[in-house]
Amino acid sequence: MSGFGVRSLRQIFRCAIIQFAVKGDARREEKRMAGLVGRLVVGQSGGPTQVINNSLVGVIEEALAHDQVTGVYGMLRGIAGVLNESFVDLARESKGTLALLRRTPSAALGTVRYKLKPEDYARIVEILRIHNIRFFCYIGGNDSMDTAHRVHLAAREMGYELRTIGVPKTVDNDLAYTDHCPGYGSAARFVALAVRDSGRDTEAMGRSSPVKIVEVMGRNAGWLTAAAALGRQDPSDPPHLIYVPERPVNDQAVVEAVDRIVGERDHCVIALSEGAVPDTGLEEVDAFGHKMKGGASDYLAWVIQAQLGLKVRQDKPNYLQRSFSACMSHVDADEAYRVGCAAAQLAVEGESDIMITLNRQAGPAYLCSTGTAPLAMVANDERRLASEYIDKDSSDVTAAFVDYARPLIGTPLPPLGRLARYPVPRKGEPK
């Protein structure tokens, strides 16, 4: 990168966020005195996660604790719920239901992938005005933060006072200006367990079926695929190879690595990001114009079989990665709840056009607090796996990544055993 280096740019962004926060303190006190009163609406958007309902409950419970909030509505299927005037009264839900939701995966309000059209904004603001909705909390990823920002701008242009807060969520862990994203820790725990346990299956099969490819979610960022390394108890444990979009696969390098590892261990397990193979010819485009990669493991399996003649099996967990509640991380669930609470609190206190962030504290023990970042900076930005987290051979992650990600998956993974296989002396004739 010419001109400013990456570190210089990061420092500039960090200073901008600090200045934004300092100015925000003054604005918050000023707006608190104004005492805006009205209903709060909350919605969920994009891909669901194991802990997204924790954020929903956090918003609801915090909002109901403030007199300025006269009601809490939920939009059914995200922003489409506002356009269709499809709301539900969340204040009437029982405490028991809310408690259960904190252990329930997927999006309780339903979700959507919808890109706003120019003609949508006037209707959105009008519907909010009719219902005296003054606080708008939107739980989602990159595109959802863009939607929240645009709703804020539309309300301001139409002279309607509305406080809009983005609540982060994504298993991809690719939102900018936050240390990590709610949803990632639980999905990372699933990937670590799935690759580890599937690897034992491949080890047992040995030379009869020696290669396993586990295709992991991650269109442009390899955070989730990298989490496969968290399942290792020993350096020789699977996955033996990890490929991420930040360093696309090189066919010949993969073939050579697989050949070497099978020769050493009789089996090889690969964690492969769906975006690590750049051109498979199987791309689709979503509602926001993003390319949806497909066929990565099919392609790599074909390459390995064609050049090495080895049998290759594939696992594609797909949506299990983001919805398997048994792998919910207690750290992830708690932080998802906390960002929901922070969103409602800051909305009432006068903040708007911001996303709640998670800020890791320095020190040996894992501690994380909430902060904020401007929606305009977050919207449609993307944080990819840092170079210092990828090894020099582009086929594994570094110890620095493991140190970063391990606290996020919660309690330590249950250990596995392995037989010593003490040999019994042969007594028969050699076969």
Protein backbone atom coordinates (compact mmCIF):
# COMPACT_ATOMS: atom_id res chain seq x y z
CA MET A 1 0.00 0.00 0.00
CA SER A 2 1.52 3.35 -1.03
CA GLY A 3 1.29 6.50 1.05
CA PHE A 4 -0.13 5.69 4.42
CA GLY A 5 0.64 2.20 5.71
CA VAL A 6 -1.99 -0.12 7.12
CA ARG A 7 -1.02 0.79 10.68
CA SER A 8 -1.28 4.52 9.90
CA LEU A 9 -4.77 4.05 8.52
CA ARG A 10 -5.77 2.06 11.58
CA GLN A 11 -4.50 4.85 13.81
CA ILE A 12 -6.48 7.42 11.85
CA PHE A 13 -9.66 5.34 12.15
CA ARG A 14 -9.01 4.75 15.85
CA CYS A 15 -8.58 8.49 16.46
CA ALA A 16 -11.75 9.22 14.51
CA ILE A 17 -13.71 6.78 16.67
CA ILE A 18 -12.26 8.24 19.89
CA GLN A 19 -13.17 11.76 18.77
CA PHE A 20 -16.62 10.51 17.82
CA ALA A 21 -17.05 9.00 21.30
CA VAL A 22 -15.90 12.20 23.09
CA LYS A 23 -18.28 14.34 21.07
CA GLY A 24 -20.94 11.71 21.65
CA ASP A 25 -20.71 12.14 25.42
CA ALA A 26 -21.59 15.81 25.09
CA ARG A 27 -24.37 15.12 22.60
CA ARG A 28 -25.77 12.36 24.79
CA GLU A 29 -26.09 14.65 27.81
CA GLU A 30 -27.71 17.33 25.69
CA LYS A 31 -30.23 14.92 24.15
CA ARG A 32 -30.97 13.26 27.47
CA MET A 33 -32.29 16.59 28.69
CA ALA A 34 -34.61 16.73 25.68
CA GLY A 35 -36.39 13.58 26.90
CA LEU A 36 -37.61 12.06 23.64
CA VAL A 37 -40.53 9.73 24.39
CA GLY A 38 -41.98 7.02 22.17
CA ARG A 39 -41.95 3.37 21.20
CA LEU A 40 -38.90 1.30 20.37
CA VAL A 41 -38.84 -1.12 17.47
CA VAL A 42 -36.31 -3.90 17.01
CA GLY A 43 -35.64 -6.20 14.07
CA GLN A 44 -33.34 -9.03 13.04
CA SER A 45 -31.77 -9.25 9.61
CA GLY A 46 -29.39 -11.37 7.55
CA GLY A 47 -28.27 -14.88 8.48
CA PRO A 48 -29.46 -16.05 11.93
CA THR A 49 -27.00 -17.20 14.57
CA GLN A 50 -27.03 -19.28 17.75
CA VAL A 51 -27.08 -16.16 19.93
CA ILE A 52 -28.95 -13.48 17.97
CA ASN A 53 -31.98 -13.87 20.24
CA ASN A 54 -29.80 -12.90 23.19
CA SER A 55 -29.39 -9.50 21.55
CA LEU A 56 -33.13 -9.31 20.99
CA VAL A 57 -33.85 -10.05 24.65
CA GLY A 58 -31.21 -7.53 25.70
CA VAL A 59 -32.91 -4.81 23.68
CA ILE A 60 -36.36 -5.71 25.04
CA GLU A 61 -35.42 -5.93 28.70
CA GLU A 62 -33.31 -2.76 28.70
CA ALA A 63 -35.94 -0.79 26.78
CA LEU A 64 -38.70 -1.78 29.22
CA ALA A 65 -36.59 -0.44 32.08
CA HIS A 66 -36.84 3.16 30.76
CA ASP A 67 -39.87 5.41 31.19
CA GLN A 68 -39.13 7.18 27.89
CA VAL A 69 -39.99 3.95 26.05
CA THR A 70 -43.76 3.64 25.86
CA GLY A 71 -43.76 0.26 24.11
CA VAL A 72 -41.49 -2.27 22.45
CA TYR A 73 -42.41 -3.58 19.01
CA GLY A 74 -40.74 -6.25 16.92
CA MET A 75 -40.56 -6.08 13.12
CA LEU A 76 -41.46 -9.38 11.52
CA ARG A 77 -38.75 -10.28 8.99
CA GLY A 78 -36.56 -7.26 9.47
CA ILE A 79 -37.09 -4.03 7.56
CA ALA A 80 -39.79 -5.75 5.49
CA GLY A 81 -41.85 -5.77 8.69
CA VAL A 82 -41.80 -1.97 8.75
CA LEU A 83 -42.68 -1.69 5.07
CA ASN A 84 -45.57 -4.14 5.54
CA GLU A 85 -46.53 -2.66 8.93
CA SER A 86 -46.08 -6.12 10.43
CA PHE A 87 -45.29 -5.54 14.10
CA VAL A 88 -45.68 -7.64 17.23
CA ASP A 89 -45.94 -6.36 20.81
CA LEU A 90 -42.84 -7.66 22.54
CA ALA A 91 -43.75 -6.04 25.86
CA ARG A 92 -46.48 -8.65 26.27
CA GLU A 93 -44.09 -11.60 26.09
CA SER A 94 -43.57 -13.44 29.39
CA LYS A 95 -40.30 -13.46 31.31
CA GLY A 96 -40.25 -17.23 30.85
CA THR A 97 -40.40 -16.90 27.07
CA LEU A 98 -37.61 -14.34 27.05
CA ALA A 99 -35.47 -16.57 29.26
CA LEU A 100 -35.97 -19.50 26.85
CA LEU A 101 -35.10 -17.31 23.87
CA ARG A 102 -31.67 -16.76 25.35
CA ARG A 103 -31.00 -20.45 24.73
CA THR A 104 -32.80 -20.58 21.36
CA PRO A 105 -30.97 -20.32 18.02
CA SER A 106 -32.13 -18.59 14.84
CA ALA A 107 -34.09 -15.33 14.61
CA ALA A 108 -37.26 -15.33 16.72
CA LEU A 109 -38.74 -12.41 14.76
CA GLY A 110 -37.81 -13.90 11.41
CA THR A 111 -35.17 -12.40 9.15
CA VAL A 112 -34.80 -10.93 5.69
CA ARG A 113 -32.29 -9.99 3.03
CA TYR A 114 -33.81 -6.91 1.43
CA LYS A 115 -32.03 -3.95 -0.17
CA LEU A 116 -34.04 -0.78 0.27
CA LYS A 117 -35.34 0.98 -2.83
CA PRO A 118 -35.51 4.79 -3.09
CA GLU A 119 -39.29 4.69 -2.83
CA ASP A 120 -39.18 2.71 0.42
CA TYR A 121 -37.82 5.43 2.66
CA ALA A 122 -40.86 7.72 2.76
CA ARG A 123 -43.10 4.79 3.68
CA ILE A 124 -40.71 3.59 6.40
CA VAL A 125 -40.63 7.01 8.06
CA GLU A 126 -44.40 7.40 7.72
CA ILE A 127 -45.07 4.02 9.36
CA LEU A 128 -42.67 4.88 12.20
CA ARG A 129 -44.42 8.23 12.63
CA ILE A 130 -47.89 6.66 12.74
CA HIS A 131 -46.83 4.36 15.56
CA ASN A 132 -44.77 7.04 17.33
CA ILE A 133 -41.68 4.85 17.06
CA ARG A 134 -38.73 6.98 18.12
CA PHE A 135 -36.10 4.33 18.80
CA PHE A 136 -34.95 1.93 16.06
CA CYS A 137 -32.63 -1.01 16.85
CA TYR A 138 -31.50 -3.26 14.01
CA ILE A 139 -29.61 -6.50 14.66
CA GLY A 140 -27.51 -7.70 11.75
CA GLY A 141 -24.32 -7.69 9.74
CA ASN A 142 -22.70 -5.43 7.15
CA ASP A 143 -25.74 -4.82 4.96
CA SER A 144 -28.02 -4.42 7.98
CA MET A 145 -25.78 -1.64 9.31
CA ASP A 146 -26.14 0.07 5.92
CA THR A 147 -29.93 -0.26 6.17
CA ALA A 148 -29.94 1.25 9.68
CA HIS A 149 -27.76 4.14 8.52
CA ARG A 150 -30.04 4.86 5.57
CA VAL A 151 -33.14 4.80 7.79
CA HIS A 152 -31.42 7.34 10.06
CA LEU A 153 -30.66 9.60 7.09
CA ALA A 154 -34.20 9.30 5.71
CA ALA A 155 -35.77 10.22 9.05
CA ARG A 156 -33.47 13.23 9.40
CA GLU A 157 -34.20 14.45 5.88
CA MET A 158 -37.94 14.15 6.52
CA GLY A 159 -37.73 16.02 9.80
CA TYR A 160 -38.66 13.06 12.00
CA GLU A 161 -36.61 12.63 15.18
CA LEU A 162 -35.51 9.01 15.31
CA ARG A 163 -32.64 7.38 17.14
CA THR A 164 -31.16 4.52 15.15
CA ILE A 165 -28.75 1.99 16.63
CA GLY A 166 -27.07 -0.97 14.92
CA VAL A 167 -26.57 -4.16 16.92
CA PRO A 168 -23.75 -6.32 15.49
CA LYS A 169 -24.31 -9.94 14.48
CA THR A 170 -22.51 -12.25 12.09
CA VAL A 171 -20.85 -15.65 12.21
CA ASP A 172 -18.45 -14.34 9.54
CA ASN A 173 -16.86 -12.01 12.14
CA ASP A 174 -16.21 -9.47 9.39
CA LEU A 175 -17.75 -6.26 10.78
CA ALA A 176 -15.22 -3.44 11.02
CA TYR A 177 -14.35 -1.42 14.15
CA THR A 178 -15.25 -4.18 16.61
CA ASP A 179 -12.87 -6.75 18.08
CA HIS A 180 -15.29 -9.52 17.15
CA CYS A 181 -18.96 -10.06 16.40
CA PRO A 182 -21.68 -11.77 18.44
CA GLY A 183 -22.47 -15.06 16.73
CA TYR A 184 -18.89 -15.80 15.79
CA GLY A 185 -17.81 -17.50 19.03
CA SER A 186 -20.59 -20.09 18.92
CA ALA A 187 -20.17 -20.84 15.22
CA ALA A 188 -16.39 -21.06 15.77
CA ARG A 189 -17.00 -23.59 18.56
CA PHE A 190 -19.13 -25.68 16.18
CA VAL A 191 -16.47 -25.61 13.46
CA ALA A 192 -13.70 -26.57 15.90
CA LEU A 193 -15.71 -29.55 17.18
CA ALA A 194 -16.98 -30.63 13.76
CA VAL A 195 -13.55 -30.64 12.12
CA ARG A 196 -11.90 -32.28 15.12
CA ASP A 197 -14.46 -35.08 15.42
CA SER A 198 -14.81 -35.59 11.67
CA GLY A 199 -11.04 -35.81 11.58
CA ARG A 200 -11.13 -38.82 13.91
CA ASP A 201 -13.52 -40.48 11.46
CA THR A 202 -11.05 -39.90 8.64
CA GLU A 203 -8.17 -41.14 10.78
CA ALA A 204 -10.06 -44.37 11.44
CA MET A 205 -10.68 -44.94 7.70
CA GLY A 206 -6.99 -44.52 6.89
CA ARG A 207 -5.80 -45.32 3.39
CA SER A 208 -9.20 -46.65 2.30
CA SER A 209 -10.55 -43.07 2.31
CA PRO A 210 -7.65 -40.86 3.31
CA VAL A 211 -8.70 -37.28 2.49
CA LYS A 212 -11.51 -35.24 4.06
CA ILE A 213 -12.47 -31.70 3.07
CA VAL A 214 -14.75 -29.74 5.41
CA GLU A 215 -16.18 -26.74 3.59
CA VAL A 216 -16.79 -23.85 6.00
CA MET A 217 -18.80 -20.65 5.57
CA GLY A 218 -16.79 -17.58 4.60
CA ARG A 219 -17.33 -15.84 1.29
CA ASN A 220 -14.58 -13.24 1.59
CA ALA A 221 -13.23 -13.63 5.13
CA GLY A 222 -11.62 -16.70 6.68
CA TRP A 223 -12.36 -16.11 10.38
CA LEU A 224 -14.74 -19.05 10.70
CA THR A 225 -12.57 -21.51 8.77
CA ALA A 226 -9.56 -20.49 10.85
CA ALA A 227 -11.50 -21.53 13.98
CA ALA A 228 -11.01 -25.18 12.96
CA ALA A 229 -7.55 -24.89 14.53
CA LEU A 230 -9.13 -24.44 17.97
CA GLY A 231 -10.02 -28.15 18.08
CA ARG A 232 -6.43 -29.34 18.10
CA GLN A 233 -5.17 -31.00 21.27
CA ASP A 234 -1.85 -31.84 19.64
CA PRO A 235 -0.03 -30.15 16.73
CA SER A 236 -0.52 -33.30 14.64
CA ASP A 237 -4.31 -33.25 15.13
CA PRO A 238 -6.65 -32.18 12.31
CA PRO A 239 -7.11 -30.00 10.47
CA HIS A 240 -3.79 -30.59 8.77
CA LEU A 241 -4.42 -27.84 6.22
CA ILE A 242 -6.49 -24.63 6.49
CA TYR A 243 -7.29 -22.52 3.43
CA VAL A 244 -8.96 -19.08 3.61
CA PRO A 245 -10.09 -16.49 1.03
CA GLU A 246 -7.37 -14.04 2.06
CA ARG A 247 -4.84 -16.49 0.58
CA PRO A 248 -6.66 -18.38 -2.22
CA VAL A 249 -5.59 -21.96 -2.81
CA ASN A 250 -2.80 -22.85 -5.19
CA ASP A 251 -3.69 -26.19 -6.79
CA GLN A 252 -0.18 -27.52 -7.02
CA ALA A 253 0.74 -26.48 -3.48
CA VAL A 254 -2.40 -28.24 -2.17
CA VAL A 255 -1.61 -31.45 -4.07
CA GLU A 256 1.96 -31.50 -2.77
CA ALA A 257 0.85 -30.85 0.82
CA VAL A 258 -1.83 -33.55 0.73
CA ASP A 259 0.58 -36.07 -0.78
CA ARG A 260 3.14 -35.36 1.95
CA ILE A 261 0.64 -35.50 4.83
CA VAL A 262 -1.02 -38.73 3.65
CA GLY A 263 2.45 -40.24 3.32
CA GLU A 264 3.22 -39.31 6.92
CA ARG A 265 -0.14 -40.03 8.60
CA ASP A 266 -2.19 -42.15 6.16
CA HIS A 267 -4.88 -39.43 6.19
CA CYS A 268 -5.31 -35.68 5.67
CA VAL A 269 -8.10 -33.34 6.85
CA ILE A 270 -8.60 -29.97 5.18
CA ALA A 271 -10.65 -27.03 6.51
CA LEU A 272 -11.61 -25.08 3.40
CA SER A 273 -13.39 -21.74 3.28
CA GLU A 274 -16.10 -21.59 0.63
CA GLY A 275 -14.36 -18.52 -0.78
CA ALA A 276 -10.81 -19.90 -0.81
CA VAL A 277 -11.23 -21.26 -4.34
CA PRO A 278 -11.77 -18.11 -6.40
CA ASP A 279 -13.28 -19.49 -9.62
CA THR A 280 -15.47 -22.59 -9.59
CA GLY A 281 -18.05 -21.38 -12.08
CA LEU A 282 -20.80 -21.87 -9.50
CA GLU A 283 -21.27 -18.30 -8.22
CA GLU A 284 -24.66 -16.75 -7.50
CA VAL A 285 -25.52 -13.18 -6.49
CA ASP A 286 -27.58 -12.27 -3.41
CA ALA A 287 -30.09 -9.43 -2.95
CA PHE A 288 -27.29 -6.96 -2.19
CA GLY A 289 -25.21 -7.89 -5.25
CA HIS A 290 -22.64 -9.92 -3.31
CA LYS A 291 -21.20 -12.99 -5.00
CA MET A 292 -22.18 -16.21 -3.23
CA LYS A 293 -19.38 -18.71 -3.74
CA GLY A 294 -20.12 -22.38 -4.25
CA GLY A 295 -18.44 -25.61 -5.20
CA ALA A 296 -15.10 -25.00 -3.45
CA SER A 297 -14.79 -28.47 -1.92
CA ASP A 298 -16.09 -30.13 -5.11
CA TYR A 299 -13.37 -28.41 -7.10
CA LEU A 300 -10.56 -29.20 -4.68
CA ALA A 301 -11.68 -32.83 -4.35
CA TRP A 302 -11.56 -33.15 -8.14
CA VAL A 303 -8.02 -31.72 -8.25
CA ILE A 304 -6.73 -34.09 -5.54
CA GLN A 305 -8.41 -37.16 -7.03
CA ALA A 306 -7.21 -36.33 -10.53
CA GLN A 307 -3.58 -35.80 -9.57
CA LEU A 308 -3.09 -38.22 -6.65
CA GLY A 309 -5.74 -40.86 -7.27
CA LEU A 310 -6.85 -40.66 -3.62
CA LYS A 311 -10.42 -41.01 -2.45
CA VAL A 312 -11.74 -37.71 -1.10
CA ARG A 313 -14.79 -37.27 1.11
CA GLN A 314 -16.52 -33.95 1.75
CA ASP A 315 -18.49 -32.49 4.63
CA LYS A 316 -20.57 -29.35 4.10
CA PRO A 317 -22.11 -28.33 7.44
CA ASN A 318 -23.67 -25.27 5.77
CA TYR A 319 -26.35 -23.72 8.01
CA LEU A 320 -25.61 -26.08 10.91
CA GLN A 321 -22.63 -23.83 11.59
CA ARG A 322 -24.84 -20.95 12.65
CA SER A 323 -27.81 -22.75 14.23
CA PHE A 324 -26.49 -25.66 16.33
CA SER A 325 -27.56 -24.60 19.83
CA ALA A 326 -25.60 -27.36 21.61
CA CYS A 327 -22.43 -25.50 20.62
CA MET A 328 -23.54 -22.13 21.99
CA SER A 329 -20.64 -20.32 23.68
CA HIS A 330 -21.59 -18.80 27.03
CA VAL A 331 -19.16 -15.95 26.31
CA ASP A 332 -20.85 -15.33 22.97
CA ALA A 333 -24.35 -15.47 24.45
CA ASP A 334 -23.46 -13.03 27.23
CA GLU A 335 -21.87 -10.55 24.85
CA ALA A 336 -24.80 -10.77 22.43
CA TYR A 337 -27.12 -9.88 25.31
CA ARG A 338 -24.88 -7.02 26.42
CA VAL A 339 -24.75 -5.35 22.99
CA GLY A 340 -28.56 -5.54 22.86
CA CYS A 341 -28.83 -3.84 26.26
CA ALA A 342 -26.29 -1.19 25.23
CA ALA A 343 -28.23 -0.43 22.05
CA ALA A 344 -31.49 0.29 23.89
CA GLN A 345 -29.75 2.26 26.63
CA LEU A 346 -27.81 4.50 24.25
CA ALA A 347 -30.89 5.09 22.10
CA VAL A 348 -32.78 6.35 25.14
CA GLU A 349 -29.79 8.46 26.19
CA GLY A 350 -29.76 10.26 22.86
CA GLU A 351 -27.33 8.40 20.61
CA SER A 352 -28.15 7.68 16.98
CA ASP A 353 -26.51 6.46 13.77
CA ILE A 354 -24.04 4.23 15.63
CA MET A 355 -23.29 0.54 15.97
CA ILE A 356 -22.45 -1.06 19.29
CA THR A 357 -18.95 -2.55 19.33
CA LEU A 358 -17.05 -5.02 21.48
CA ASN A 359 -13.71 -3.75 22.72
CA ARG A 360 -11.18 -6.23 24.13
CA GLN A 361 -9.23 -5.01 27.14
CA ALA A 362 -5.46 -5.43 27.29
CA GLY A 363 -4.11 -7.98 29.76
CA PRO A 364 -3.68 -11.70 30.26
CA ALA A 365 -7.32 -12.29 31.28
CA TYR A 366 -10.06 -11.97 28.69
CA LEU A 367 -12.22 -8.90 29.34
CA CYS A 368 -14.47 -7.14 26.87
CA SER A 369 -16.51 -3.94 27.11
CA THR A 370 -18.99 -2.29 24.76
CA GLY A 371 -18.27 0.82 22.73
CA THR A 372 -19.62 2.52 19.61
CA ALA A 373 -18.65 3.25 16.02
CA PRO A 374 -20.42 5.42 13.41
CA LEU A 375 -22.77 3.44 11.17
CA ALA A 376 -21.49 5.36 8.14
CA MET A 377 -18.02 3.88 8.73
CA VAL A 378 -19.25 0.36 9.45
CA ALA A 379 -21.82 0.06 6.67
CA ASN A 380 -20.66 -2.20 3.84
CA ASP A 381 -17.10 -2.30 5.16
CA GLU A 382 -15.50 -5.70 5.67
CA ARG A 383 -12.80 -6.84 8.09
CA ARG A 384 -10.83 -9.74 6.70
CA LEU A 385 -8.57 -12.18 8.51
CA ALA A 386 -5.42 -10.29 9.48
CA SER A 387 -2.14 -11.28 7.81
CA GLU A 388 -0.49 -11.97 11.16
CA TYR A 389 -3.10 -14.70 11.73
CA ILE A 390 -2.14 -16.66 8.57
CA ASP A 391 1.06 -18.70 8.44
CA LYS A 392 3.76 -18.11 5.83
CA ASP A 393 2.75 -21.17 3.80
CA SER A 394 -0.87 -19.92 3.55
CA SER A 395 -2.09 -23.34 4.72
CA ASP A 396 -2.62 -22.81 8.45
CA VAL A 397 -3.16 -20.17 11.11
CA THR A 398 -0.68 -18.80 13.62
CA ALA A 399 -0.53 -18.99 17.40
CA ALA A 400 -1.63 -15.35 17.47
CA PHE A 401 -4.97 -16.31 15.93
CA VAL A 402 -5.50 -19.10 18.45
CA ASP A 403 -4.81 -16.63 21.28
CA TYR A 404 -7.33 -14.22 19.75
CA ALA A 405 -10.13 -16.71 19.12
CA ARG A 406 -9.89 -19.22 21.96
CA PRO A 407 -11.61 -17.06 24.63
CA LEU A 408 -14.59 -16.48 22.34
CA ILE A 409 -15.69 -20.12 22.14
CA GLY A 410 -16.35 -20.34 25.88
CA THR A 411 -15.55 -23.34 28.03
CA PRO A 412 -12.64 -25.56 26.89
CA LEU A 413 -13.61 -28.26 24.40
CA PRO A 414 -14.02 -31.69 26.01
CA PRO A 415 -10.82 -33.70 25.49
CA LEU A 416 -10.63 -36.79 23.31
CA GLY A 417 -8.65 -39.94 24.00
CA ARG A 418 -6.38 -41.96 21.76
CA LEU A 419 -5.18 -45.53 22.26
CA ALA A 420 -1.47 -46.07 22.81
CA ARG A 421 -1.84 -49.25 20.70
CA TYR A 422 0.70 -51.35 22.53
CA PRO A 423 1.70 -54.08 20.05
CA VAL A 424 1.31 -57.77 20.83
CA PRO A 425 4.26 -59.85 19.52
CA ARG A 426 3.43 -61.87 16.42
CA LYS A 427 3.42 -65.66 16.77
CA GLY A 428 2.03 -66.80 13.47
CA GLU A 429 3.62 -66.96 10.05
CA PRO A 430 3.98 -63.59 8.34
CA LYS A 431 1.13 -62.98 5.88
